Amino acid sequence: MSTRIKWLISLIAAVVVVAGGVSYGIYKHNQPLSDEAFSKLEIDEQFEKAPAGHYIHLRKDDPTLYRTTWSAKQIKNYFFNKYNIGVKTSADGITAEKTKLGTNHLFNNNRLVDKQQGYGEIGRIYHETYGNSKFNSGMTYYSDSVYNWYFKSPEQAQKDPDVKENVNQLVR
């Protein structure tokens, strides 16, 4: 074999190796983070990498912001019509009600989170959102109970003072 053919074969092999490495690097870089890896990021990085979509902050002091596929109207309809009217409770206030509210988190009313009031997870959310005039327009305005609960983007949520002060985890 002549020297030129050896150089040409070496050059082609080098190009294939470099192209393969670059392709693999791009593939790995563009792979989405797993939920576990995402949850380990600092909150600012979570906001940077959060997918577009609507987000809900279910309690004013809630440390979690949830991405939802439900509209604000669907969430209100669930709480005012299905949960408030149609859910049967036992004597201690607990129900078997479960919902995701369009998120990737299962809210379970069997999980008692407020023992004094007898509220399960959904009951506590309902109680706090019901008193929020930005959620329930029929409520009297009490400044300590009012907060933005529905956001059209993670950027909009990140600018909210209650989110800035309390949220340390995004559930996408």
Protein backbone atom coordinates (compact mmCIF):
# COMPACT_ATOMS: atom_id res chain seq x y z
CA MET A 1 0.00 0.00 0.00
CA SER A 2 1.19 3.43 -0.75
CA THR A 3 1.68 6.06 1.88
CA ARG A 4 -1.16 8.20 0.48
CA ILE A 5 -3.70 5.38 0.87
CA LYS A 6 -2.55 4.75 4.47
CA TRP A 7 -2.94 8.47 5.24
CA LEU A 8 -6.38 8.53 3.62
CA ILE A 9 -7.55 5.48 5.61
CA SER A 10 -6.14 6.99 8.83
CA LEU A 11 -7.84 10.31 8.10
CA ILE A 12 -11.20 8.62 7.40
CA ALA A 13 -10.88 6.56 10.62
CA ALA A 14 -10.07 9.71 12.62
CA VAL A 15 -13.07 11.56 11.15
CA VAL A 16 -15.38 8.62 11.98
CA VAL A 17 -14.08 8.46 15.57
CA VAL A 18 -14.41 12.24 16.10
CA ALA A 19 -17.89 12.34 14.52
CA GLY A 20 -18.99 9.39 16.67
CA GLY A 21 -17.67 11.05 19.82
CA VAL A 22 -19.34 14.36 19.02
CA SER A 23 -22.65 12.60 18.23
CA TYR A 24 -22.50 10.64 21.49
CA GLY A 25 -21.70 13.82 23.45
CA ILE A 26 -24.64 15.67 21.90
CA TYR A 27 -26.92 12.69 22.58
CA LYS A 28 -25.88 12.51 26.24
CA HIS A 29 -26.10 16.28 26.70
CA ASN A 30 -29.62 16.44 25.26
CA GLN A 31 -31.00 13.54 27.32
CA PRO A 32 -33.58 14.78 29.82
CA LEU A 33 -32.71 14.59 33.49
CA SER A 34 -34.37 11.85 35.49
CA ASP A 35 -36.81 13.03 38.17
CA GLU A 36 -34.29 12.01 40.84
CA ALA A 37 -31.43 13.93 39.20
CA PHE A 38 -33.72 16.94 38.68
CA SER A 39 -34.77 16.96 42.35
CA LYS A 40 -31.12 17.06 43.46
CA LEU A 41 -30.45 20.30 41.55
CA GLU A 42 -30.44 23.64 43.36
CA ILE A 43 -33.79 25.44 43.06
CA ASP A 44 -32.41 28.06 40.62
CA GLU A 45 -31.16 25.29 38.33
CA GLN A 46 -34.54 23.55 38.60
CA PHE A 47 -36.22 26.73 37.38
CA GLU A 48 -33.72 26.99 34.50
CA LYS A 49 -34.32 23.39 33.42
CA ALA A 50 -38.06 23.25 34.19
CA PRO A 51 -40.22 22.41 31.20
CA ALA A 52 -42.63 25.00 29.84
CA GLY A 53 -46.18 24.73 31.07
CA HIS A 54 -48.50 25.80 33.85
CA TYR A 55 -47.47 25.51 37.50
CA ILE A 56 -49.45 25.58 40.73
CA HIS A 57 -48.47 26.70 44.22
CA LEU A 58 -51.15 25.08 46.34
CA ARG A 59 -50.47 26.73 49.69
CA LYS A 60 -48.87 30.09 50.39
CA ASP A 61 -46.08 28.49 52.45
CA ASP A 62 -45.80 25.32 50.34
CA PRO A 63 -42.17 24.36 49.62
CA THR A 64 -43.21 22.67 46.36
CA LEU A 65 -44.29 24.04 42.99
CA TYR A 66 -46.09 21.54 40.75
CA ARG A 67 -46.30 21.46 36.96
CA THR A 68 -49.90 20.77 35.95
CA THR A 69 -51.79 19.85 32.81
CA TRP A 70 -55.06 21.14 34.29
CA SER A 71 -56.32 24.65 33.70
CA ALA A 72 -57.16 26.90 36.63
CA LYS A 73 -60.84 26.32 35.82
CA GLN A 74 -60.44 22.52 36.00
CA ILE A 75 -58.74 22.76 39.41
CA LYS A 76 -61.45 25.07 40.76
CA ASN A 77 -64.12 22.77 39.35
CA TYR A 78 -62.51 19.81 41.12
CA PHE A 79 -62.42 21.57 44.50
CA PHE A 80 -65.78 23.38 44.35
CA ASN A 81 -67.86 20.69 42.65
CA LYS A 82 -66.32 17.25 43.02
CA TYR A 83 -64.37 17.51 46.29
CA ASN A 84 -66.58 19.92 48.25
CA ILE A 85 -69.91 18.39 47.23
CA GLY A 86 -69.33 14.80 46.20
CA VAL A 87 -66.73 13.39 48.60
CA LYS A 88 -67.97 11.46 51.63
CA THR A 89 -65.93 11.79 54.79
CA SER A 90 -65.72 9.66 57.89
CA ALA A 91 -66.36 11.05 61.38
CA ASP A 92 -62.69 12.08 61.71
CA GLY A 93 -62.82 14.05 58.42
CA ILE A 94 -60.70 11.62 56.42
CA THR A 95 -61.76 10.36 53.01
CA ALA A 96 -60.33 7.86 50.58
CA GLU A 97 -60.13 10.64 47.95
CA LYS A 98 -57.00 10.73 45.80
CA THR A 99 -56.14 13.02 42.90
CA LYS A 100 -53.13 14.23 40.97
CA LEU A 101 -54.65 17.62 40.02
CA GLY A 102 -52.94 17.18 36.66
CA THR A 103 -49.50 16.86 38.29
CA ASN A 104 -47.04 14.01 38.73
CA HIS A 105 -47.77 13.89 42.47
CA LEU A 106 -50.58 11.85 44.02
CA PHE A 107 -52.41 13.87 46.66
CA ASN A 108 -53.87 11.39 49.11
CA ASN A 109 -56.51 12.50 51.58
CA ASN A 110 -55.82 9.46 53.78
CA ARG A 111 -52.50 11.08 54.62
CA LEU A 112 -53.45 13.21 57.63
CA VAL A 113 -51.40 16.40 57.54
CA ASP A 114 -53.30 18.56 60.01
CA LYS A 115 -54.26 16.41 62.99
CA GLN A 116 -55.94 19.23 64.91
CA GLN A 117 -58.27 20.15 62.05
CA GLY A 118 -58.60 16.55 60.82
CA TYR A 119 -57.46 17.46 57.31
CA GLY A 120 -55.95 15.04 54.89
CA GLU A 121 -53.60 16.31 52.20
CA ILE A 122 -56.39 17.39 49.83
CA GLY A 123 -58.50 18.82 52.65
CA ARG A 124 -55.66 21.06 53.76
CA ILE A 125 -55.11 22.31 50.21
CA TYR A 126 -58.86 22.92 49.82
CA HIS A 127 -59.05 24.78 53.13
CA GLU A 128 -56.12 27.06 52.27
CA THR A 129 -57.11 27.75 48.67
CA TYR A 130 -60.76 28.35 49.65
CA GLY A 131 -59.64 31.24 51.85
CA ASN A 132 -57.55 32.77 49.04
CA SER A 133 -59.47 35.49 47.18
CA LYS A 134 -57.26 34.91 44.11
CA PHE A 135 -58.61 31.33 44.04
CA ASN A 136 -62.10 31.92 45.40
CA SER A 137 -63.42 35.29 44.26
CA GLY A 138 -66.28 35.01 46.77
CA MET A 139 -63.89 35.32 49.71
CA THR A 140 -63.29 38.46 51.69
CA TYR A 141 -59.87 39.96 51.14
CA TYR A 142 -57.45 39.01 53.94
CA SER A 143 -53.92 39.96 52.92
CA ASP A 144 -52.25 37.15 54.85
CA SER A 145 -54.39 34.55 53.00
CA VAL A 146 -54.00 35.94 49.47
CA TYR A 147 -51.42 34.51 47.11
CA ASN A 148 -50.92 33.67 43.46
CA TRP A 149 -51.57 29.98 43.04
CA TYR A 150 -51.58 29.42 39.26
CA PHE A 151 -48.76 30.41 36.92
CA LYS A 152 -48.51 30.23 33.12
CA SER A 153 -44.77 29.49 33.18
CA PRO A 154 -41.96 28.62 35.57
CA GLU A 155 -40.47 32.08 34.89
CA GLN A 156 -43.69 33.77 36.02
CA ALA A 157 -43.75 31.61 39.16
CA GLN A 158 -40.12 32.36 39.97
CA LYS A 159 -40.90 36.10 40.09
CA ASP A 160 -43.67 35.61 42.68
CA PRO A 161 -42.62 36.63 46.24
CA ASP A 162 -44.27 33.64 47.94
CA VAL A 163 -42.59 31.23 45.53
CA LYS A 164 -39.21 32.94 45.99
CA GLU A 165 -39.54 32.82 49.75
CA ASN A 166 -40.87 29.29 50.21
CA VAL A 167 -40.34 27.00 47.22
CA ASN A 168 -37.30 24.74 47.25
CA GLN A 169 -38.59 21.93 44.99
CA LEU A 170 -40.27 21.71 41.59
CA VAL A 171 -42.27 18.66 40.56
CA ARG A 172 -42.37 18.61 36.78
